[in-house]
Amino acid sequence: MSRIADAVRAFALTLGVFGLFFVAFLDSSFLSLPEIADLLVVWMVTRDKARVAAYVVSVTLGSIGGCLLLYSIGRRGGEALLRRRFAPGNVERARATFKRHGVMTVLIASILPPPAPFKIFVLLAGASGMHAGRFAATIAVGRGTRYLTLGILAVYYGDRAIAYAQEHGVTVALVAVGVLLAGALAFLLWSRARRAAAQ
C-alpha cells in the first residue's frame, strides 16, 4: 500500500489541482490513503499560498465525488458490503450512532482525521436511504471545513503545519467542529429573529 500511496502522491503533485481532486476522490471511494490528501493540501499551499482557495475547492470536490460513489454503492447493497468489510461489532456501534445522531454523525466523521471511522458512515448513509442532496451538502460542509482549516494553517505556519496537523489533528478537527456548530447556531438564531420581525 505504501508504494501505491507514493505513486498516487507523486502523480497528484505533477497534476496540481487536478491531482488533488483525483487523490481525494480515490481516498473517499475505493482506496484508503490516510492523510495523503491532507498532507498534499498543506504541501501545495505552502509552496503557492495564492492558490489556497483553488486547492481547498479541488480537494473538497474530489472528496464529495468519491463519497457519493461510495454512498451509491451503500444505497444499492450496503448491508452486504458492510458485513464483508467491517467487523459486526463495529457495524452495530456505527449503526447505533448513526440512528441516534443522523446527519451530525456524517458531518463530524467527515471533519475528524484518521484513524476516526468515516467510510462506514458513508455506506450507512446510503444503506439507510439518506437523501443524496443532503448527504452531499453535509460532506461539502465537513470536508470543506477540514481542508480550509488545513489550508489556513499552511498559509500561516508553512511546512510546520504538516507536523502540527499530525500532532494535533483531533484538536484542530474538534475546534473546526465547534466553530461550525457555533456558526450554524448563530445562523439559526438570526433566521428565527428575522422571521419574528417579519411577522
N, C-alpha and C. Protein backbone atom coordinates (compact mmCIF):
# COMPACT_ATOMS: atom_id res chain seq x y z
N MET A 1 0.82 -1.21 0.00
CA MET A 1 0.00 0.00 0.00
C MET A 1 0.86 1.25 0.00
N SER A 2 2.04 1.19 0.65
CA SER A 2 2.90 2.37 0.69
C SER A 2 3.39 2.74 -0.70
N ARG A 3 3.64 1.71 -1.55
CA ARG A 3 4.06 2.00 -2.93
C ARG A 3 2.94 2.69 -3.70
N ILE A 4 1.73 2.19 -3.52
CA ILE A 4 0.58 2.80 -4.18
C ILE A 4 0.42 4.25 -3.72
N ALA A 5 0.53 4.44 -2.40
CA ALA A 5 0.39 5.79 -1.84
C ALA A 5 1.45 6.73 -2.39
N ASP A 6 2.69 6.26 -2.48
CA ASP A 6 3.78 7.09 -3.01
C ASP A 6 3.54 7.43 -4.48
N ALA A 7 3.05 6.44 -5.25
CA ALA A 7 2.78 6.68 -6.67
C ALA A 7 1.64 7.69 -6.85
N VAL A 8 0.60 7.54 -6.04
CA VAL A 8 -0.54 8.46 -6.12
C VAL A 8 -0.12 9.87 -5.74
N ARG A 9 0.70 9.98 -4.69
CA ARG A 9 1.17 11.29 -4.24
C ARG A 9 2.01 11.97 -5.32
N ALA A 10 2.92 11.22 -5.94
CA ALA A 10 3.76 11.78 -6.99
C ALA A 10 2.92 12.23 -8.18
N PHE A 11 1.94 11.41 -8.52
CA PHE A 11 1.03 11.73 -9.62
C PHE A 11 0.25 13.02 -9.33
N ALA A 12 -0.23 13.14 -8.09
CA ALA A 12 -1.00 14.31 -7.69
C ALA A 12 -0.16 15.57 -7.75
N LEU A 13 1.06 15.49 -7.30
CA LEU A 13 1.94 16.66 -7.30
C LEU A 13 2.23 17.12 -8.73
N THR A 14 2.28 16.17 -9.65
CA THR A 14 2.53 16.50 -11.05
C THR A 14 1.34 17.26 -11.65
N LEU A 15 0.12 16.86 -11.27
CA LEU A 15 -1.09 17.45 -11.85
C LEU A 15 -1.61 18.66 -11.09
N GLY A 16 -1.11 18.90 -9.90
CA GLY A 16 -1.55 20.06 -9.13
C GLY A 16 -3.00 19.96 -8.67
N VAL A 17 -3.82 20.94 -9.03
CA VAL A 17 -5.22 21.00 -8.60
C VAL A 17 -5.97 19.73 -9.01
N PHE A 18 -5.78 19.29 -10.24
CA PHE A 18 -6.47 18.09 -10.72
C PHE A 18 -5.97 16.84 -9.99
N GLY A 19 -4.70 16.84 -9.64
CA GLY A 19 -4.16 15.73 -8.87
C GLY A 19 -4.78 15.64 -7.49
N LEU A 20 -4.99 16.79 -6.86
CA LEU A 20 -5.65 16.83 -5.56
C LEU A 20 -7.06 16.26 -5.65
N PHE A 21 -7.78 16.65 -6.69
CA PHE A 21 -9.14 16.13 -6.90
C PHE A 21 -9.10 14.61 -7.02
N PHE A 22 -8.17 14.11 -7.81
CA PHE A 22 -8.03 12.67 -8.07
C PHE A 22 -7.73 11.91 -6.78
N VAL A 23 -6.78 12.40 -5.99
CA VAL A 23 -6.42 11.74 -4.74
C VAL A 23 -7.59 11.73 -3.77
N ALA A 24 -8.26 12.86 -3.63
CA ALA A 24 -9.41 12.95 -2.71
C ALA A 24 -10.53 12.02 -3.16
N PHE A 25 -10.74 11.92 -4.47
CA PHE A 25 -11.77 11.02 -5.00
C PHE A 25 -11.45 9.57 -4.66
N LEU A 26 -10.21 9.16 -4.91
CA LEU A 26 -9.82 7.79 -4.62
C LEU A 26 -9.90 7.49 -3.12
N ASP A 27 -9.40 8.41 -2.31
CA ASP A 27 -9.37 8.21 -0.86
C ASP A 27 -10.77 8.10 -0.29
N SER A 28 -11.73 8.83 -0.86
CA SER A 28 -13.09 8.82 -0.34
C SER A 28 -13.95 7.71 -0.93
N SER A 29 -13.41 6.99 -1.92
CA SER A 29 -14.21 5.92 -2.54
C SER A 29 -13.56 4.56 -2.36
N PHE A 30 -12.75 4.12 -3.33
CA PHE A 30 -12.26 2.75 -3.34
C PHE A 30 -11.04 2.51 -2.46
N LEU A 31 -10.10 3.45 -2.47
CA LEU A 31 -8.85 3.25 -1.74
C LEU A 31 -8.88 3.94 -0.39
N SER A 32 -7.99 3.51 0.49
CA SER A 32 -7.77 4.22 1.75
C SER A 32 -6.35 4.76 1.71
N LEU A 33 -6.23 6.08 1.63
CA LEU A 33 -4.93 6.75 1.57
C LEU A 33 -4.86 7.71 2.75
N PRO A 34 -4.71 7.18 3.96
CA PRO A 34 -4.81 8.02 5.16
C PRO A 34 -3.90 9.23 5.13
N GLU A 35 -4.49 10.40 5.29
CA GLU A 35 -3.81 11.69 5.44
C GLU A 35 -3.07 12.18 4.20
N ILE A 36 -3.06 11.42 3.11
CA ILE A 36 -2.31 11.87 1.93
C ILE A 36 -2.93 13.15 1.37
N ALA A 37 -4.26 13.20 1.27
CA ALA A 37 -4.91 14.42 0.77
C ALA A 37 -4.61 15.60 1.69
N ASP A 38 -4.66 15.35 3.01
CA ASP A 38 -4.36 16.42 3.97
C ASP A 38 -2.95 16.95 3.78
N LEU A 39 -1.99 16.05 3.69
CA LEU A 39 -0.59 16.44 3.55
C LEU A 39 -0.33 17.15 2.23
N LEU A 40 -1.01 16.69 1.17
CA LEU A 40 -0.84 17.34 -0.14
C LEU A 40 -1.38 18.77 -0.11
N VAL A 41 -2.52 18.97 0.56
CA VAL A 41 -3.07 20.32 0.67
C VAL A 41 -2.06 21.24 1.34
N VAL A 42 -1.52 20.79 2.47
CA VAL A 42 -0.56 21.60 3.22
C VAL A 42 0.69 21.86 2.37
N TRP A 43 1.21 20.83 1.73
CA TRP A 43 2.44 20.94 0.94
C TRP A 43 2.25 21.91 -0.22
N MET A 44 1.12 21.77 -0.94
CA MET A 44 0.88 22.63 -2.10
C MET A 44 0.62 24.08 -1.71
N VAL A 45 -0.15 24.28 -0.65
CA VAL A 45 -0.43 25.65 -0.20
C VAL A 45 0.85 26.33 0.28
N THR A 46 1.69 25.57 0.97
CA THR A 46 2.95 26.12 1.46
C THR A 46 3.80 26.66 0.31
N ARG A 47 3.72 25.99 -0.84
CA ARG A 47 4.54 26.39 -1.98
C ARG A 47 3.87 27.39 -2.91
N ASP A 48 2.55 27.56 -2.77
CA ASP A 48 1.84 28.54 -3.59
C ASP A 48 0.62 29.02 -2.81
N LYS A 49 0.84 29.93 -1.87
CA LYS A 49 -0.22 30.38 -0.97
C LYS A 49 -1.35 31.10 -1.70
N ALA A 50 -1.05 31.68 -2.84
CA ALA A 50 -2.08 32.41 -3.59
C ALA A 50 -3.17 31.49 -4.12
N ARG A 51 -2.87 30.19 -4.21
CA ARG A 51 -3.84 29.25 -4.78
C ARG A 51 -4.55 28.43 -3.71
N VAL A 52 -4.53 28.90 -2.47
CA VAL A 52 -5.13 28.14 -1.38
C VAL A 52 -6.61 27.84 -1.65
N ALA A 53 -7.36 28.81 -2.17
CA ALA A 53 -8.78 28.60 -2.45
C ALA A 53 -8.98 27.51 -3.50
N ALA A 54 -8.15 27.53 -4.57
CA ALA A 54 -8.27 26.53 -5.63
C ALA A 54 -7.97 25.13 -5.09
N TYR A 55 -6.95 25.02 -4.24
CA TYR A 55 -6.61 23.71 -3.68
C TYR A 55 -7.71 23.19 -2.77
N VAL A 56 -8.25 24.06 -1.93
CA VAL A 56 -9.31 23.65 -0.98
C VAL A 56 -10.57 23.22 -1.75
N VAL A 57 -10.96 23.99 -2.76
CA VAL A 57 -12.15 23.65 -3.54
C VAL A 57 -11.93 22.33 -4.28
N SER A 58 -10.76 22.16 -4.89
CA SER A 58 -10.48 20.95 -5.66
C SER A 58 -10.52 19.69 -4.80
N VAL A 59 -9.86 19.72 -3.65
CA VAL A 59 -9.81 18.54 -2.80
C VAL A 59 -11.18 18.26 -2.18
N THR A 60 -11.94 19.31 -1.91
CA THR A 60 -13.29 19.13 -1.36
C THR A 60 -14.21 18.49 -2.40
N LEU A 61 -14.17 18.98 -3.62
CA LEU A 61 -14.99 18.42 -4.69
C LEU A 61 -14.63 16.96 -4.97
N GLY A 62 -13.34 16.65 -4.94
CA GLY A 62 -12.91 15.27 -5.14
C GLY A 62 -13.46 14.36 -4.06
N SER A 63 -13.42 14.85 -2.83
CA SER A 63 -13.93 14.07 -1.71
C SER A 63 -15.45 13.87 -1.82
N ILE A 64 -16.17 14.91 -2.22
CA ILE A 64 -17.62 14.79 -2.41
C ILE A 64 -17.92 13.73 -3.47
N GLY A 65 -17.20 13.78 -4.58
CA GLY A 65 -17.42 12.81 -5.65
C GLY A 65 -17.16 11.39 -5.20
N GLY A 66 -16.04 11.18 -4.50
CA GLY A 66 -15.73 9.84 -4.02
C GLY A 66 -16.74 9.33 -3.01
N CYS A 67 -17.17 10.22 -2.12
CA CYS A 67 -18.17 9.85 -1.11
C CYS A 67 -19.51 9.51 -1.76
N LEU A 68 -19.89 10.26 -2.79
CA LEU A 68 -21.15 9.97 -3.49
C LEU A 68 -21.11 8.62 -4.18
N LEU A 69 -19.94 8.25 -4.69
CA LEU A 69 -19.80 6.92 -5.31
C LEU A 69 -19.99 5.83 -4.26
N LEU A 70 -19.33 5.98 -3.12
CA LEU A 70 -19.45 5.01 -2.03
C LEU A 70 -20.87 4.99 -1.48
N TYR A 71 -21.46 6.17 -1.37
CA TYR A 71 -22.85 6.29 -0.91
C TYR A 71 -23.80 5.52 -1.84
N SER A 72 -23.59 5.65 -3.15
CA SER A 72 -24.46 4.96 -4.12
C SER A 72 -24.31 3.45 -4.01
N ILE A 73 -23.09 2.99 -3.72
CA ILE A 73 -22.87 1.56 -3.50
C ILE A 73 -23.63 1.10 -2.26
N GLY A 74 -23.57 1.92 -1.21
CA GLY A 74 -24.32 1.61 0.00
C GLY A 74 -25.81 1.60 -0.25
N ARG A 75 -26.27 2.46 -1.12
CA ARG A 75 -27.71 2.55 -1.43
C ARG A 75 -28.18 1.29 -2.16
N ARG A 76 -27.30 0.74 -3.01
CA ARG A 76 -27.70 -0.42 -3.81
C ARG A 76 -27.60 -1.74 -3.03
N GLY A 77 -26.66 -1.84 -2.15
CA GLY A 77 -26.50 -3.11 -1.43
C GLY A 77 -25.51 -2.98 -0.30
N GLY A 78 -25.67 -1.93 0.49
CA GLY A 78 -24.69 -1.61 1.51
C GLY A 78 -24.59 -2.60 2.64
N GLU A 79 -25.70 -3.26 2.98
CA GLU A 79 -25.67 -4.19 4.11
C GLU A 79 -24.65 -5.30 3.88
N ALA A 80 -24.68 -5.89 2.69
CA ALA A 80 -23.75 -6.98 2.39
C ALA A 80 -22.31 -6.48 2.42
N LEU A 81 -22.07 -5.31 1.85
CA LEU A 81 -20.73 -4.74 1.83
C LEU A 81 -20.26 -4.40 3.24
N LEU A 82 -21.13 -3.85 4.06
CA LEU A 82 -20.79 -3.53 5.45
C LEU A 82 -20.37 -4.79 6.19
N ARG A 83 -21.11 -5.86 5.99
CA ARG A 83 -20.80 -7.12 6.69
C ARG A 83 -19.48 -7.71 6.24
N ARG A 84 -19.17 -7.53 4.93
CA ARG A 84 -17.91 -8.07 4.41
C ARG A 84 -16.71 -7.24 4.83
N ARG A 85 -16.88 -5.94 4.86
CA ARG A 85 -15.72 -5.05 5.03
C ARG A 85 -15.42 -4.72 6.49
N PHE A 86 -16.45 -4.71 7.35
CA PHE A 86 -16.26 -4.29 8.73
C PHE A 86 -16.69 -5.39 9.70
N ALA A 87 -16.07 -5.40 10.87
CA ALA A 87 -16.43 -6.36 11.91
C ALA A 87 -17.87 -6.09 12.37
N PRO A 88 -18.63 -7.16 12.68
CA PRO A 88 -20.03 -7.00 13.08
C PRO A 88 -20.21 -6.01 14.24
N GLY A 89 -19.32 -6.07 15.22
CA GLY A 89 -19.43 -5.15 16.36
C GLY A 89 -19.28 -3.70 15.94
N ASN A 90 -18.35 -3.43 15.02
CA ASN A 90 -18.16 -2.06 14.53
C ASN A 90 -19.38 -1.57 13.75
N VAL A 91 -19.97 -2.48 12.97
CA VAL A 91 -21.16 -2.12 12.19
C VAL A 91 -22.31 -1.75 13.12
N GLU A 92 -22.53 -2.55 14.15
CA GLU A 92 -23.64 -2.29 15.07
C GLU A 92 -23.44 -1.00 15.85
N ARG A 93 -22.20 -0.75 16.29
CA ARG A 93 -21.91 0.50 17.01
C ARG A 93 -22.12 1.71 16.11
N ALA A 94 -21.62 1.60 14.88
CA ALA A 94 -21.78 2.70 13.92
C ALA A 94 -23.25 2.92 13.59
N ARG A 95 -24.00 1.83 13.44
CA ARG A 95 -25.42 1.95 13.13
C ARG A 95 -26.19 2.64 14.27
N ALA A 96 -25.85 2.27 15.51
CA ALA A 96 -26.50 2.87 16.67
C ALA A 96 -26.20 4.37 16.74
N THR A 97 -24.94 4.73 16.47
CA THR A 97 -24.54 6.15 16.48
C THR A 97 -25.26 6.91 15.38
N PHE A 98 -25.35 6.29 14.20
CA PHE A 98 -26.00 6.93 13.06
C PHE A 98 -27.48 7.13 13.33
N LYS A 99 -28.15 6.13 13.91
CA LYS A 99 -29.58 6.25 14.21
C LYS A 99 -29.84 7.34 15.25
N ARG A 100 -28.89 7.47 16.20
CA ARG A 100 -29.08 8.44 17.28
C ARG A 100 -28.84 9.87 16.81
N HIS A 101 -27.82 10.06 15.98
CA HIS A 101 -27.41 11.43 15.63
C HIS A 101 -27.57 11.78 14.16
N GLY A 102 -27.84 10.82 13.31
CA GLY A 102 -28.13 11.08 11.90
C GLY A 102 -27.05 11.86 11.17
N VAL A 103 -27.47 12.99 10.56
CA VAL A 103 -26.58 13.77 9.71
C VAL A 103 -25.36 14.30 10.46
N MET A 104 -25.50 14.56 11.77
CA MET A 104 -24.38 15.07 12.55
C MET A 104 -23.24 14.05 12.62
N THR A 105 -23.61 12.76 12.59
CA THR A 105 -22.60 11.70 12.60
C THR A 105 -21.73 11.80 11.35
N VAL A 106 -22.36 11.97 10.20
CA VAL A 106 -21.63 12.08 8.94
C VAL A 106 -20.79 13.35 8.93
N LEU A 107 -21.37 14.45 9.41
CA LEU A 107 -20.66 15.73 9.42
C LEU A 107 -19.39 15.66 10.26
N ILE A 108 -19.51 15.18 11.48
CA ILE A 108 -18.35 15.14 12.38
C ILE A 108 -17.32 14.14 11.87
N ALA A 109 -17.78 12.98 11.37
CA ALA A 109 -16.85 11.97 10.85
C ALA A 109 -16.08 12.51 9.64
N SER A 110 -16.72 13.39 8.85
CA SER A 110 -16.05 13.94 7.66
C SER A 110 -14.99 14.98 8.02
N ILE A 111 -15.05 15.52 9.23
CA ILE A 111 -14.07 16.51 9.66
C ILE A 111 -12.90 15.86 10.40
N LEU A 112 -13.20 14.86 11.22
CA LEU A 112 -12.16 14.23 12.03
C LEU A 112 -11.11 13.53 11.17
N PRO A 113 -9.84 13.59 11.57
CA PRO A 113 -8.77 12.94 10.80
C PRO A 113 -8.70 11.45 11.12
N PRO A 114 -7.97 10.66 10.28
CA PRO A 114 -7.74 9.26 10.61
C PRO A 114 -7.03 9.16 11.96
N PRO A 115 -7.26 8.09 12.73
CA PRO A 115 -8.00 6.87 12.39
C PRO A 115 -9.47 6.90 12.74
N ALA A 116 -10.08 8.07 12.91
CA ALA A 116 -11.52 8.13 13.18
C ALA A 116 -12.27 7.49 12.01
N PRO A 117 -13.28 6.65 12.29
CA PRO A 117 -14.01 5.98 11.20
C PRO A 117 -14.80 6.97 10.36
N PHE A 118 -14.85 6.73 9.07
CA PHE A 118 -15.59 7.62 8.18
C PHE A 118 -16.39 6.85 7.13
N LYS A 119 -15.71 5.95 6.40
CA LYS A 119 -16.38 5.29 5.27
C LYS A 119 -17.55 4.43 5.71
N ILE A 120 -17.49 3.89 6.91
CA ILE A 120 -18.61 3.09 7.40
C ILE A 120 -19.87 3.95 7.51
N PHE A 121 -19.70 5.23 7.86
CA PHE A 121 -20.85 6.13 7.97
C PHE A 121 -21.36 6.56 6.59
N VAL A 122 -20.44 6.64 5.62
CA VAL A 122 -20.85 6.95 4.25
C VAL A 122 -21.73 5.82 3.71
N LEU A 123 -21.28 4.58 3.92
CA LEU A 123 -22.07 3.42 3.48
C LEU A 123 -23.40 3.34 4.21
N LEU A 124 -23.39 3.62 5.51
CA LEU A 124 -24.62 3.59 6.29
C LEU A 124 -25.61 4.66 5.81
N ALA A 125 -25.07 5.83 5.43
CA ALA A 125 -25.94 6.89 4.91
C ALA A 125 -26.67 6.42 3.65
N GLY A 126 -25.94 5.71 2.78
CA GLY A 126 -26.57 5.17 1.58
C GLY A 126 -27.55 4.06 1.89
N ALA A 127 -27.13 3.13 2.75
CA ALA A 127 -27.99 1.99 3.09
C ALA A 127 -29.25 2.42 3.81
N SER A 128 -29.18 3.51 4.58
CA SER A 128 -30.35 3.96 5.34
C SER A 128 -31.30 4.83 4.51
N GLY A 129 -30.87 5.18 3.29
CA GLY A 129 -31.73 5.98 2.42
C GLY A 129 -31.67 7.48 2.67
N MET A 130 -30.59 7.95 3.27
CA MET A 130 -30.43 9.39 3.48
C MET A 130 -30.48 10.10 2.12
N HIS A 131 -31.15 11.23 2.04
CA HIS A 131 -31.31 11.96 0.78
C HIS A 131 -29.93 12.33 0.22
N ALA A 132 -29.74 12.07 -1.08
CA ALA A 132 -28.43 12.27 -1.70
C ALA A 132 -27.98 13.73 -1.63
N GLY A 133 -28.90 14.66 -1.84
CA GLY A 133 -28.55 16.08 -1.78
C GLY A 133 -28.12 16.50 -0.39
N ARG A 134 -28.84 16.01 0.60
CA ARG A 134 -28.49 16.32 1.98
C ARG A 134 -27.14 15.71 2.34
N PHE A 135 -26.91 14.49 1.87
CA PHE A 135 -25.64 13.83 2.13
C PHE A 135 -24.49 14.61 1.49
N ALA A 136 -24.64 15.00 0.23
CA ALA A 136 -23.58 15.73 -0.48
C ALA A 136 -23.30 17.07 0.20
N ALA A 137 -24.37 17.76 0.63
CA ALA A 137 -24.19 19.04 1.32
C ALA A 137 -23.44 18.87 2.63
N THR A 138 -23.74 17.79 3.34
CA THR A 138 -23.06 17.51 4.61
C THR A 138 -21.58 17.25 4.40
N ILE A 139 -21.26 16.46 3.38
CA ILE A 139 -19.85 16.18 3.06
C ILE A 139 -19.16 17.46 2.63
N ALA A 140 -19.83 18.28 1.85
CA ALA A 140 -19.23 19.55 1.39
C ALA A 140 -18.87 20.43 2.57
N VAL A 141 -19.77 20.54 3.53
CA VAL A 141 -19.51 21.38 4.70
C VAL A 141 -18.39 20.78 5.56
N GLY A 142 -18.47 19.48 5.82
CA GLY A 142 -17.48 18.83 6.67
C GLY A 142 -16.09 18.82 6.07
N ARG A 143 -15.98 18.29 4.85
CA ARG A 143 -14.68 18.23 4.20
C ARG A 143 -14.15 19.62 3.87
N GLY A 144 -15.05 20.51 3.45
CA GLY A 144 -14.62 21.88 3.15
C GLY A 144 -14.03 22.55 4.38
N THR A 145 -14.67 22.35 5.53
CA THR A 145 -14.16 22.91 6.78
C THR A 145 -12.80 22.33 7.13
N ARG A 146 -12.68 21.02 6.98
CA ARG A 146 -11.41 20.35 7.29
C ARG A 146 -10.27 20.86 6.41
N TYR A 147 -10.49 20.89 5.10
CA TYR A 147 -9.42 21.29 4.20
C TYR A 147 -9.13 22.79 4.26
N LEU A 148 -10.16 23.59 4.51
CA LEU A 148 -9.93 25.03 4.66
C LEU A 148 -9.09 25.30 5.90
N THR A 149 -9.37 24.57 6.98
CA THR A 149 -8.57 24.72 8.20
C THR A 149 -7.11 24.37 7.95
N LEU A 150 -6.89 23.28 7.22
CA LEU A 150 -5.51 22.89 6.89
C LEU A 150 -4.85 23.92 5.99
N GLY A 151 -5.62 24.45 5.03
CA GLY A 151 -5.07 25.47 4.14
C GLY A 151 -4.65 26.73 4.90
N ILE A 152 -5.48 27.15 5.85
CA ILE A 152 -5.16 28.34 6.66
C ILE A 152 -3.92 28.08 7.51
N LEU A 153 -3.83 26.88 8.09
CA LEU A 153 -2.64 26.52 8.87
C LEU A 153 -1.40 26.58 7.99
N ALA A 154 -1.52 26.08 6.76
CA ALA A 154 -0.38 26.09 5.84
C ALA A 154 0.04 27.50 5.47
N VAL A 155 -0.93 28.40 5.31
CA VAL A 155 -0.61 29.79 4.97
C VAL A 155 0.19 30.44 6.09
N TYR A 156 -0.20 30.17 7.33
CA TYR A 156 0.44 30.84 8.48
C TYR A 156 1.67 30.11 9.02
N TYR A 157 1.69 28.79 8.90
CA TYR A 157 2.78 28.03 9.52
C TYR A 157 3.69 27.32 8.52
N GLY A 158 3.33 27.32 7.24
CA GLY A 158 4.19 26.70 6.24
C GLY A 158 4.37 25.22 6.47
N ASP A 159 5.59 24.72 6.27
CA ASP A 159 5.88 23.30 6.42
C ASP A 159 5.59 22.80 7.83
N ARG A 160 5.67 23.67 8.82
CA ARG A 160 5.40 23.25 10.20
C ARG A 160 3.95 22.84 10.38
N ALA A 161 3.08 23.27 9.48
CA ALA A 161 1.66 22.91 9.57
C ALA A 161 1.45 21.41 9.43
N ILE A 162 2.33 20.74 8.66
CA ILE A 162 2.21 19.29 8.49
C ILE A 162 2.44 18.60 9.82
N ALA A 163 3.53 18.96 10.50
CA ALA A 163 3.82 18.37 11.80
C ALA A 163 2.74 18.73 12.81
N TYR A 164 2.29 19.97 12.77
CA TYR A 164 1.25 20.43 13.71
C TYR A 164 -0.05 19.66 13.49
N ALA A 165 -0.43 19.49 12.23
CA ALA A 165 -1.67 18.78 11.93
C ALA A 165 -1.58 17.31 12.35
N GLN A 166 -0.40 16.69 12.20
CA GLN A 166 -0.25 15.30 12.61
C GLN A 166 -0.29 15.15 14.13
N GLU A 167 0.31 16.09 14.84
CA GLU A 167 0.36 16.01 16.30
C GLU A 167 -0.95 16.43 16.96
N HIS A 168 -1.63 17.40 16.36
CA HIS A 168 -2.83 17.95 16.98
C HIS A 168 -4.05 17.85 16.08
N GLY A 169 -4.08 16.82 15.23
CA GLY A 169 -5.16 16.68 14.25
C GLY A 169 -6.54 16.64 14.87
N VAL A 170 -6.70 15.87 15.94
CA VAL A 170 -8.02 15.74 16.57
C VAL A 170 -8.44 17.06 17.19
N THR A 171 -7.49 17.75 17.84
CA THR A 171 -7.81 19.05 18.45
C THR A 171 -8.25 20.05 17.40
N VAL A 172 -7.50 20.11 16.30
CA VAL A 172 -7.83 21.03 15.20
C VAL A 172 -9.22 20.70 14.66
N ALA A 173 -9.49 19.40 14.48
CA ALA A 173 -10.78 18.98 13.94
C ALA A 173 -11.92 19.35 14.89
N LEU A 174 -11.70 19.15 16.19
CA LEU A 174 -12.75 19.46 17.16
C LEU A 174 -13.01 20.98 17.24
N VAL A 175 -11.95 21.76 17.12
CA VAL A 175 -12.13 23.23 17.08
C VAL A 175 -12.94 23.61 15.84
N ALA A 176 -12.63 22.95 14.71
CA ALA A 176 -13.37 23.22 13.47
C ALA A 176 -14.85 22.85 13.64
N VAL A 177 -15.10 21.71 14.29
CA VAL A 177 -16.49 21.30 14.55
C VAL A 177 -17.19 22.34 15.43
N GLY A 178 -16.49 22.81 16.47
CA GLY A 178 -17.06 23.81 17.37
C GLY A 178 -17.40 25.10 16.65
N VAL A 179 -16.48 25.56 15.80
CA VAL A 179 -16.72 26.80 15.03
C VAL A 179 -17.91 26.61 14.09
N LEU A 180 -17.96 25.43 13.45
CA LEU A 180 -19.04 25.14 12.53
C LEU A 180 -20.39 25.11 13.23
N LEU A 181 -20.45 24.46 14.40
CA LEU A 181 -21.69 24.39 15.16
C LEU A 181 -22.11 25.78 15.67
N ALA A 182 -21.12 26.57 16.10
CA ALA A 182 -21.42 27.93 16.56
C ALA A 182 -21.98 28.77 15.42
N GLY A 183 -21.40 28.62 14.24
CA GLY A 183 -21.91 29.34 13.07
C GLY A 183 -23.32 28.92 12.72
N ALA A 184 -23.58 27.59 12.78
CA ALA A 184 -24.91 27.08 12.48
C ALA A 184 -25.93 27.60 13.49
N LEU A 185 -25.55 27.62 14.77
CA LEU A 185 -26.45 28.12 15.81
C LEU A 185 -26.74 29.61 15.62
N ALA A 186 -25.69 30.38 15.30
CA ALA A 186 -25.86 31.81 15.07
C ALA A 186 -26.80 32.06 13.89
N PHE A 187 -26.62 31.27 12.83
CA PHE A 187 -27.49 31.42 11.66
C PHE A 187 -28.94 31.07 12.00
N LEU A 188 -29.12 30.01 12.79
CA LEU A 188 -30.47 29.60 13.19
C LEU A 188 -31.15 30.69 14.02
N LEU A 189 -30.41 31.25 14.98
CA LEU A 189 -30.97 32.32 15.81
C LEU A 189 -31.29 33.55 14.98
N TRP A 190 -30.41 33.90 14.05
CA TRP A 190 -30.63 35.05 13.17
C TRP A 190 -31.87 34.84 12.30
N SER A 191 -32.04 33.61 11.77
CA SER A 191 -33.20 33.30 10.93
C SER A 191 -34.49 33.42 11.72
N ARG A 192 -34.46 32.91 12.96
CA ARG A 192 -35.66 32.99 13.79
C ARG A 192 -36.01 34.45 14.12
N ALA A 193 -34.99 35.23 14.44
CA ALA A 193 -35.20 36.64 14.77
C ALA A 193 -35.76 37.38 13.55
N ARG A 194 -35.26 37.05 12.37
CA ARG A 194 -35.71 37.71 11.15
C ARG A 194 -37.17 37.35 10.85
N ARG A 195 -37.52 36.06 11.05
CA ARG A 195 -38.92 35.64 10.83
C ARG A 195 -39.86 36.32 11.83
N ALA A 196 -39.39 36.40 13.09
CA ALA A 196 -40.21 37.04 14.13
C ALA A 196 -40.45 38.51 13.82
N ALA A 197 -39.40 39.19 13.32
CA ALA A 197 -39.53 40.61 12.98
C ALA A 197 -40.48 40.81 11.79
N ALA A 198 -40.42 39.85 10.85
CA ALA A 198 -41.28 39.95 9.67
C ALA A 198 -42.75 39.75 10.04
N GLN A 199 -43.01 38.93 11.05
CA GLN A 199 -44.38 38.69 11.48
C GLN A 199 -44.92 39.84 12.30
